[in-house]
């Protein structure tokens, strides 16, 4: 479905931005009066009132009479269809949680950092508490959830519910993660790898909606990948299909956390890139590297370009094996845009098997770092037998 994008800086563009600010604030706080919305968004009360009326007419928000400090007020919440689900995404550095209705409308969303070496029990406890608090702001509770989708930064064997690649996510191995979270929530939980659900999200709602076959590469602190073939995620026998981050690029290279040498992740993953700037106190996170590159720093741009070349070599192997027509690159490092994608594209075109048609189209993911969270929500909705075609995975995002 095509959409008409307003000219940047136009009145239409400004109004859309203001609508998004209001919707995003409601996702975070659950319910706010119009006066409180004006306070958290910085918009004037008149602007908030007009936009709330407009969103209410579209069925996006719901308004009700309330009172605060003895004064009458108009309370605003995101509208939702009957039935709530939740999506959780554990990345290497963050836990992201979203609550949505069965029409894929996200009505609450939050993100908190996690320790680099986190254990499953503590993090699942924290996830359950955070989810419960988010539901409370919506006037709901855990019993109102129909299902929960959980995305983990590691291959998952769907038949056993356990991590299928030892060494990649220490502290989570040998545990039936779905059952552990179900015990805390008392709600059905379905678990998958973040790459698989990220690919699913981009295929259905993002950059891969027109793809016949899609390869997805998630590049950030870690590197992972997934495949969509015939409209379905191809997981392999134990969930490890598409794990491009552990393709060997240099057999004499550094030891990888998976136990092999010279994996792509050891050359192009976040820690490997930041290690090239060791001793520089201003280079602690990938966002520091990306900010330097955006400001024109030659060293930062070169490091990202070299990462792109390494990823392109591994992606060419993936494309030669599975022949997708679209390669979607997501994750934090993808925000570097053509600084990463141009050398990736050049490297892939040099190594991919030549054919009668062009090489796979290489595009940046449209859902950004939220792809995996959107996919986790879709996973939960599918598990209850509801498959929506709405691309409104997050209203106003």
Protein backbone atom coordinates (compact mmCIF):
# COMPACT_ATOMS: atom_id res chain seq x y z
CA UNK A 1 0.00 0.00 0.00
CA UNK A 2 1.42 3.36 -1.01
CA UNK A 3 1.27 6.41 1.19
CA UNK A 4 1.64 10.07 0.41
CA UNK A 5 4.33 11.63 2.51
CA UNK A 6 3.89 15.30 3.38
CA UNK A 7 6.58 17.78 2.49
CA UNK A 8 8.99 18.20 5.43
CA UNK A 9 8.26 21.45 7.26
CA UNK A 10 4.73 21.74 5.88
CA UNK A 11 1.67 22.32 8.10
CA UNK A 12 0.56 18.75 7.37
CA UNK A 13 3.96 17.43 8.43
CA UNK A 14 3.87 19.49 11.65
CA UNK A 15 0.37 18.27 12.48
CA UNK A 16 1.40 14.64 11.92
CA UNK A 17 4.40 15.16 14.20
CA UNK A 18 2.15 16.64 16.90
CA UNK A 19 -0.29 13.72 16.58
CA UNK A 20 2.62 11.31 16.96
CA UNK A 21 3.80 13.12 20.11
CA UNK A 22 0.38 12.75 21.68
CA UNK A 23 0.04 9.08 20.73
CA UNK A 24 3.58 8.28 21.92
CA UNK A 25 2.90 9.98 25.26
CA UNK A 26 -0.24 7.87 25.73
CA UNK A 27 1.77 4.72 24.99
CA UNK A 28 4.17 5.58 27.78
CA UNK A 29 1.75 6.91 30.42
CA UNK A 30 -1.36 4.92 29.55
CA UNK A 31 -3.92 7.60 30.39
CA UNK A 32 -3.56 11.36 30.73
CA UNK A 33 -5.86 14.34 30.92
CA UNK A 34 -5.64 16.88 28.11
CA UNK A 35 -3.89 19.28 30.48
CA UNK A 36 -1.33 16.60 31.36
CA UNK A 37 -0.86 15.84 27.66
CA UNK A 38 -0.07 19.48 27.05
CA UNK A 39 2.52 19.33 29.82
CA UNK A 40 4.35 16.21 28.64
CA UNK A 41 4.27 17.10 24.92
CA UNK A 42 4.98 20.80 25.21
CA UNK A 43 2.00 21.55 22.96
CA UNK A 44 -0.57 24.22 23.77
CA UNK A 45 -3.82 23.09 25.41
CA UNK A 46 -5.76 24.28 22.34
CA UNK A 47 -3.57 22.22 20.00
CA UNK A 48 -3.94 19.15 22.22
CA UNK A 49 -7.72 19.59 22.36
CA UNK A 50 -8.02 19.85 18.58
CA UNK A 51 -5.80 16.84 17.90
CA UNK A 52 -7.55 14.73 20.53
CA UNK A 53 -10.90 15.48 18.87
CA UNK A 54 -9.44 14.47 15.51
CA UNK A 55 -7.92 11.23 16.86
CA UNK A 56 -11.14 10.41 18.67
CA UNK A 57 -13.04 10.78 15.40
CA UNK A 58 -10.68 8.30 13.78
CA UNK A 59 -11.20 5.85 16.65
CA UNK A 60 -7.55 6.07 17.70
CA UNK A 61 -8.15 7.55 21.17
CA UNK A 62 -10.97 7.34 23.67
CA UNK A 63 -12.02 10.26 25.88
CA UNK A 64 -13.95 10.22 29.13
CA UNK A 65 -14.95 12.69 31.82
CA UNK A 66 -12.75 12.68 34.91
CA UNK A 67 -11.81 14.91 37.78
CA UNK A 68 -8.41 15.96 39.09
CA UNK A 69 -8.02 18.00 42.28
CA UNK A 70 -11.75 18.69 42.33
CA UNK A 71 -11.78 19.98 38.75
CA UNK A 72 -13.46 18.38 35.79
CA UNK A 73 -11.07 17.10 33.16
CA UNK A 74 -11.07 15.15 29.91
CA UNK A 75 -9.07 11.94 30.29
CA UNK A 76 -7.54 10.45 27.13
CA UNK A 77 -6.47 6.86 26.45
CA UNK A 78 -5.57 4.97 23.31
CA UNK A 79 -8.61 3.11 22.01
CA UNK A 80 -8.28 -0.62 21.79
CA UNK A 81 -10.27 -3.46 20.35
CA UNK A 82 -11.39 -6.27 22.60
CA UNK A 83 -8.43 -8.45 23.52
CA UNK A 84 -4.89 -7.52 24.53
CA UNK A 85 -1.55 -9.18 23.78
CA UNK A 86 2.01 -8.31 24.74
CA UNK A 87 5.33 -8.44 22.94
CA UNK A 88 8.69 -8.59 24.73
CA UNK A 89 12.10 -8.26 23.12
CA UNK A 90 15.32 -8.96 24.97
CA UNK A 91 18.27 -7.62 23.00
CA UNK A 92 21.83 -7.74 24.29
CA UNK A 93 21.40 -4.36 25.96
CA UNK A 94 17.67 -3.61 26.33
CA UNK A 95 14.32 -5.07 27.26
CA UNK A 96 11.48 -3.62 25.18
CA UNK A 97 7.84 -4.30 26.05
CA UNK A 98 4.68 -3.45 24.12
CA UNK A 99 1.01 -4.02 24.86
CA UNK A 100 -1.26 -4.13 21.82
CA UNK A 101 -4.77 -5.09 20.84
CA UNK A 102 -5.59 -7.85 18.36
CA UNK A 103 -5.73 -5.27 15.55
CA UNK A 104 -1.98 -4.67 16.02
CA UNK A 105 -2.47 -1.24 17.62
CA UNK A 106 0.20 -0.68 20.26
CA UNK A 107 -1.41 1.00 23.27
CA UNK A 108 1.57 1.01 25.66
CA UNK A 109 5.31 0.67 25.18
CA UNK A 110 8.39 0.86 27.37
CA UNK A 111 12.12 0.12 27.28
CA UNK A 112 14.67 -0.46 30.03
CA UNK A 113 18.39 -1.32 29.88
CA UNK A 114 19.66 -4.77 30.86
CA UNK A 115 23.07 -5.78 32.13
CA UNK A 116 25.41 -7.28 29.53
CA UNK A 117 25.67 -10.59 31.40
CA UNK A 118 22.08 -10.99 32.52
CA UNK A 119 20.44 -14.13 33.89
CA UNK A 120 17.07 -15.37 32.74
CA UNK A 121 15.43 -15.56 36.17
CA UNK A 122 16.11 -11.98 37.21
CA UNK A 123 15.22 -10.56 33.80
CA UNK A 124 11.99 -12.55 33.51
CA UNK A 125 11.01 -11.36 36.99
CA UNK A 126 11.65 -7.78 35.91
CA UNK A 127 9.80 -8.26 32.62
CA UNK A 128 6.74 -9.60 34.44
CA UNK A 129 6.74 -6.67 36.86
CA UNK A 130 7.16 -4.10 34.09
CA UNK A 131 4.38 -5.66 32.03
CA UNK A 132 2.07 -5.72 35.02
CA UNK A 133 2.73 -2.04 35.72
CA UNK A 134 2.08 -1.12 32.08
CA UNK A 135 -1.23 -2.96 32.09
CA UNK A 136 -2.25 -1.21 35.30
CA UNK A 137 -1.83 2.18 33.60
CA UNK A 138 -4.32 0.95 30.97
CA UNK A 139 -6.84 -0.10 33.59
CA UNK A 140 -6.11 -3.77 32.83
CA UNK A 141 -4.22 -6.66 34.40
CA UNK A 142 -2.34 -9.81 33.47
CA UNK A 143 -5.58 -11.88 33.22
CA UNK A 144 -6.63 -9.56 30.35
CA UNK A 145 -3.74 -10.75 28.17
CA UNK A 146 -4.63 -13.35 25.55
CA UNK A 147 -1.00 -14.23 24.80
CA UNK A 148 2.58 -13.00 25.04
CA UNK A 149 5.24 -13.11 22.33
CA UNK A 150 8.87 -13.23 23.51
CA UNK A 151 11.84 -12.53 21.22
CA UNK A 152 15.36 -13.53 22.35
CA UNK A 153 18.74 -12.60 20.79
CA UNK A 154 19.61 -16.25 20.17
CA UNK A 155 18.34 -19.19 18.07
CA UNK A 156 15.42 -20.96 19.75
CA UNK A 157 14.33 -24.54 19.12
CA UNK A 158 10.55 -24.17 18.84
CA UNK A 159 10.02 -27.89 19.57
CA UNK A 160 11.81 -27.76 22.94
CA UNK A 161 11.41 -24.08 23.83
CA UNK A 162 15.10 -23.90 24.68
CA UNK A 163 18.12 -22.00 23.37
CA UNK A 164 19.57 -24.12 20.56
CA UNK A 165 23.06 -22.57 20.32
CA UNK A 166 25.17 -22.90 23.50
CA UNK A 167 27.49 -20.04 24.40
CA UNK A 168 25.59 -17.27 22.64
CA UNK A 169 23.30 -16.25 25.52
CA UNK A 170 24.92 -17.35 28.74
CA UNK A 171 22.63 -17.67 31.73
CA UNK A 172 19.67 -18.68 29.55
CA UNK A 173 20.77 -22.12 28.40
CA UNK A 174 19.00 -25.37 29.25
CA UNK A 175 15.86 -23.54 30.36
CA UNK A 176 12.37 -23.75 28.85
CA UNK A 177 12.01 -19.98 28.65
CA UNK A 178 8.36 -20.00 27.62
CA UNK A 179 7.32 -22.13 30.56
CA UNK A 180 9.33 -19.95 32.96
CA UNK A 181 7.61 -16.78 31.78
CA UNK A 182 4.19 -18.49 31.73
CA UNK A 183 4.69 -19.42 35.38
CA UNK A 184 5.26 -15.75 36.22
CA UNK A 185 2.43 -14.33 34.10
CA UNK A 186 -0.07 -17.19 34.16
CA UNK A 187 -0.65 -16.44 30.47
CA UNK A 188 0.30 -18.36 27.27
CA UNK A 189 3.77 -17.48 25.96
CA UNK A 190 5.34 -18.19 22.57
CA UNK A 191 9.11 -17.77 22.11
CA UNK A 192 11.27 -17.21 19.02
CA UNK A 193 14.58 -15.63 18.05
CA UNK A 194 14.60 -11.87 17.56
CA UNK A 195 15.97 -12.23 14.03
CA UNK A 196 13.05 -14.46 13.02
CA UNK A 197 10.39 -12.12 14.40
CA UNK A 198 12.24 -9.07 13.04
CA UNK A 199 12.20 -10.64 9.58
CA UNK A 200 8.50 -11.41 9.99
CA UNK A 201 7.75 -7.80 10.91
CA UNK A 202 9.71 -6.31 8.01
CA UNK A 203 8.11 -8.78 5.62
CA UNK A 204 4.57 -7.97 6.71
CA UNK A 205 4.72 -4.33 7.70
CA UNK A 206 8.06 -2.87 6.63
CA UNK A 207 10.65 -2.88 3.87
CA UNK A 208 9.93 -6.40 2.60
CA UNK A 209 6.19 -6.29 1.89
CA UNK A 210 6.77 -6.82 -1.84
CA UNK A 211 9.40 -9.55 -1.44
CA UNK A 212 8.97 -13.06 -2.82
CA UNK A 213 11.88 -14.28 -0.71
CA UNK A 214 13.47 -12.20 2.03
CA UNK A 215 16.74 -12.37 3.94
CA UNK A 216 16.99 -10.26 7.09
CA UNK A 217 20.22 -9.23 8.76
CA UNK A 218 20.12 -7.56 12.17
CA UNK A 219 23.34 -5.67 12.90
CA UNK A 220 24.10 -4.06 16.23
CA UNK A 221 25.87 -5.19 19.39
CA UNK A 222 25.44 -8.69 17.93
CA UNK A 223 24.68 -9.90 14.40
CA UNK A 224 21.89 -12.30 13.52
CA UNK A 225 19.80 -13.16 10.50
CA UNK A 226 16.66 -14.88 9.30
CA UNK A 227 14.93 -16.05 6.14
CA UNK A 228 11.38 -15.76 4.80
CA UNK A 229 10.60 -18.36 2.13
CA UNK A 230 7.15 -18.88 0.66
CA UNK A 231 5.72 -16.33 3.07
CA UNK A 232 6.91 -18.26 6.14
CA UNK A 233 9.93 -17.99 8.42
CA UNK A 234 12.41 -20.75 7.55
CA UNK A 235 13.89 -21.82 10.88
CA UNK A 236 15.65 -25.07 10.02
CA UNK A 237 15.41 -28.12 12.26
CA UNK A 238 16.49 -26.43 15.52
CA UNK A 239 15.94 -22.73 14.82
CA UNK A 240 19.48 -21.89 13.70
CA UNK A 241 18.74 -21.20 10.01
CA UNK A 242 19.94 -17.82 8.77
CA UNK A 243 22.34 -17.13 11.64
CA UNK A 244 24.69 -15.07 9.50
CA UNK A 245 26.55 -13.64 12.50
CA UNK A 246 28.31 -16.97 12.94
CA UNK A 247 29.38 -17.50 9.34
CA UNK A 248 33.18 -17.86 9.29
CA UNK A 249 34.89 -14.97 7.51
CA UNK A 250 38.46 -15.57 8.76
CA UNK A 251 39.25 -19.09 9.97
CA UNK A 252 42.28 -17.72 11.81
CA UNK A 253 40.38 -14.77 13.26
CA UNK A 254 39.35 -13.95 16.82
CA UNK A 255 37.56 -16.47 19.01
CA UNK A 256 33.81 -15.90 18.92
CA UNK A 257 31.43 -16.31 21.86
CA UNK A 258 29.96 -19.31 20.03
CA UNK A 259 33.35 -21.07 20.26
CA UNK A 260 34.38 -20.74 16.60
CA UNK A 261 37.02 -18.48 15.09
CA UNK A 262 36.61 -15.52 12.80
CA UNK A 263 32.80 -15.35 12.76
CA UNK A 264 31.26 -12.31 11.10
CA UNK A 265 30.24 -11.02 14.53
CA UNK A 266 33.88 -10.90 15.67
CA UNK A 267 34.67 -8.57 12.78
CA UNK A 268 31.52 -6.47 12.36
CA UNK A 269 29.58 -6.71 15.65
CA UNK A 270 29.40 -3.77 18.03
CA UNK A 271 32.15 -4.84 20.47
CA UNK A 272 34.59 -5.53 17.61
CA UNK A 273 34.01 -2.08 16.10
CA UNK A 274 34.29 -0.26 19.42
CA UNK A 275 37.46 -2.17 20.29
CA UNK A 276 39.16 -0.35 17.42
CA UNK A 277 38.73 2.84 19.49
CA UNK A 278 39.83 1.41 22.84
CA UNK A 279 41.24 4.11 25.04
CA UNK A 280 38.85 6.69 23.62
CA UNK A 281 36.48 7.58 26.52
CA UNK A 282 33.96 9.04 24.10
CA UNK A 283 33.47 5.74 22.29
CA UNK A 284 31.58 3.47 24.69
CA UNK A 285 28.44 2.49 22.78
CA UNK A 286 27.46 1.98 19.16
CA UNK A 287 25.48 5.20 19.31
CA UNK A 288 28.79 7.02 19.95
CA UNK A 289 30.27 5.49 16.82
CA UNK A 290 27.18 6.37 14.79
CA UNK A 291 27.18 9.94 16.06
CA UNK A 292 30.85 10.35 15.12
CA UNK A 293 30.19 8.97 11.65
CA UNK A 294 27.21 11.28 11.15
CA UNK A 295 29.35 14.26 12.12
CA UNK A 296 31.81 13.32 9.36
CA UNK A 297 34.55 11.65 11.41
CA UNK A 298 36.65 9.77 8.84
CA UNK A 299 37.77 7.00 11.21
CA UNK A 300 34.24 6.20 12.34
CA UNK A 301 32.95 6.17 8.78
CA UNK A 302 35.78 3.86 7.69
CA UNK A 303 35.08 1.40 10.50
CA UNK A 304 31.39 1.25 9.57
CA UNK A 305 32.25 0.85 5.88
CA UNK A 306 34.64 -2.01 6.65
CA UNK A 307 31.87 -3.66 8.67
CA UNK A 308 29.60 -3.29 5.65
CA UNK A 309 32.12 -5.05 3.44
CA UNK A 310 32.40 -7.98 5.84
CA UNK A 311 28.62 -8.25 6.12
CA UNK A 312 28.34 -8.17 2.33
CA UNK A 313 30.63 -11.21 1.98
CA UNK A 314 28.58 -13.22 4.46
CA UNK A 315 25.31 -12.02 2.94
CA UNK A 316 26.47 -13.15 -0.51
CA UNK A 317 26.89 -16.68 0.86
CA UNK A 318 23.40 -16.52 2.32
CA UNK A 319 21.98 -15.25 -0.97
CA UNK A 320 23.78 -17.92 -3.01
CA UNK A 321 22.22 -20.59 -0.80
CA UNK A 322 18.65 -19.27 -0.55
CA UNK A 323 18.24 -16.87 -3.49
CA UNK A 324 16.10 -14.10 -1.92
CA UNK A 325 15.06 -11.11 -4.00
CA UNK A 326 15.27 -8.66 -1.06
CA UNK A 327 17.87 -8.32 1.70
CA UNK A 328 16.67 -6.14 4.59
CA UNK A 329 19.31 -4.75 6.95
CA UNK A 330 18.02 -3.78 10.39
CA UNK A 331 19.35 -3.16 13.87
CA UNK A 332 21.15 -0.20 15.38
CA UNK A 333 24.08 -0.14 12.95
CA UNK A 334 21.65 0.10 10.01
CA UNK A 335 20.93 3.68 11.07
CA UNK A 336 24.28 4.54 9.46
CA UNK A 337 22.44 4.29 6.15
CA UNK A 338 24.54 4.28 3.00
CA UNK A 339 27.76 4.53 5.01
CA UNK A 340 27.08 0.88 5.83
CA UNK A 341 24.88 -0.19 2.91
CA UNK A 342 26.95 1.09 -0.02
CA UNK A 343 30.06 -1.01 0.78
CA UNK A 344 27.79 -3.90 1.80
CA UNK A 345 26.05 -3.71 -1.55
CA UNK A 346 29.34 -3.52 -3.46
CA UNK A 347 30.83 -6.45 -1.57
CA UNK A 348 27.74 -8.60 -2.09
CA UNK A 349 27.53 -7.85 -5.80
CA UNK A 350 31.14 -8.96 -6.23
CA UNK A 351 30.52 -12.31 -4.53
CA UNK A 352 26.91 -13.27 -5.25
CA UNK A 353 26.26 -15.78 -8.02
CA UNK A 354 25.56 -13.91 -11.26
CA UNK A 355 22.26 -14.62 -12.97
CA UNK A 356 19.86 -13.35 -15.60
CA UNK A 357 18.36 -10.89 -13.14
CA UNK A 358 19.90 -8.33 -10.82
CA UNK A 359 21.42 -9.15 -7.45
CA UNK A 360 19.08 -9.08 -4.43
CA UNK A 361 17.78 -5.62 -3.65
CA UNK A 362 19.44 -4.37 -0.46
CA UNK A 363 17.36 -2.02 1.67
CA UNK A 364 17.43 -0.60 5.16
CA UNK A 365 14.66 -1.86 7.44
CA UNK A 366 11.71 0.51 7.80
CA UNK A 367 10.81 -0.48 11.36
CA UNK A 368 14.21 0.34 12.83
CA UNK A 369 15.10 -1.10 16.21
CA UNK A 370 11.40 -1.74 16.88
CA UNK A 371 11.15 -4.48 14.22
CA UNK A 372 11.67 -7.25 16.74
CA UNK A 373 9.12 -5.80 19.16
CA UNK A 374 6.54 -5.46 16.37
CA UNK A 375 7.31 -9.06 15.38
CA UNK A 376 6.89 -10.29 18.96
CA UNK A 377 3.42 -8.70 19.05
CA UNK A 378 2.57 -10.39 15.73
CA UNK A 379 3.82 -13.69 17.16
CA UNK A 380 1.43 -13.37 20.10
CA UNK A 381 -1.52 -12.47 17.87
CA UNK A 382 -0.84 -15.43 15.57
CA UNK A 383 -0.71 -17.79 18.52
CA UNK A 384 -4.36 -17.03 19.33
CA UNK A 385 -5.42 -17.56 15.72
CA UNK A 386 -5.84 -13.91 14.73
CA UNK A 387 -3.77 -12.76 11.76
CA UNK A 388 -4.36 -9.12 10.89
CA UNK A 389 -3.19 -7.42 7.72
CA UNK A 390 -2.83 -4.05 9.41
CA UNK A 391 0.49 -2.33 8.97
CA UNK A 392 -0.39 -0.03 11.87
CA UNK A 393 1.91 -1.96 14.17
CA UNK A 394 2.36 1.21 16.19
CA UNK A 395 -0.05 4.06 15.72
CA UNK A 396 1.78 7.30 15.10
CA UNK A 397 5.25 5.73 15.10
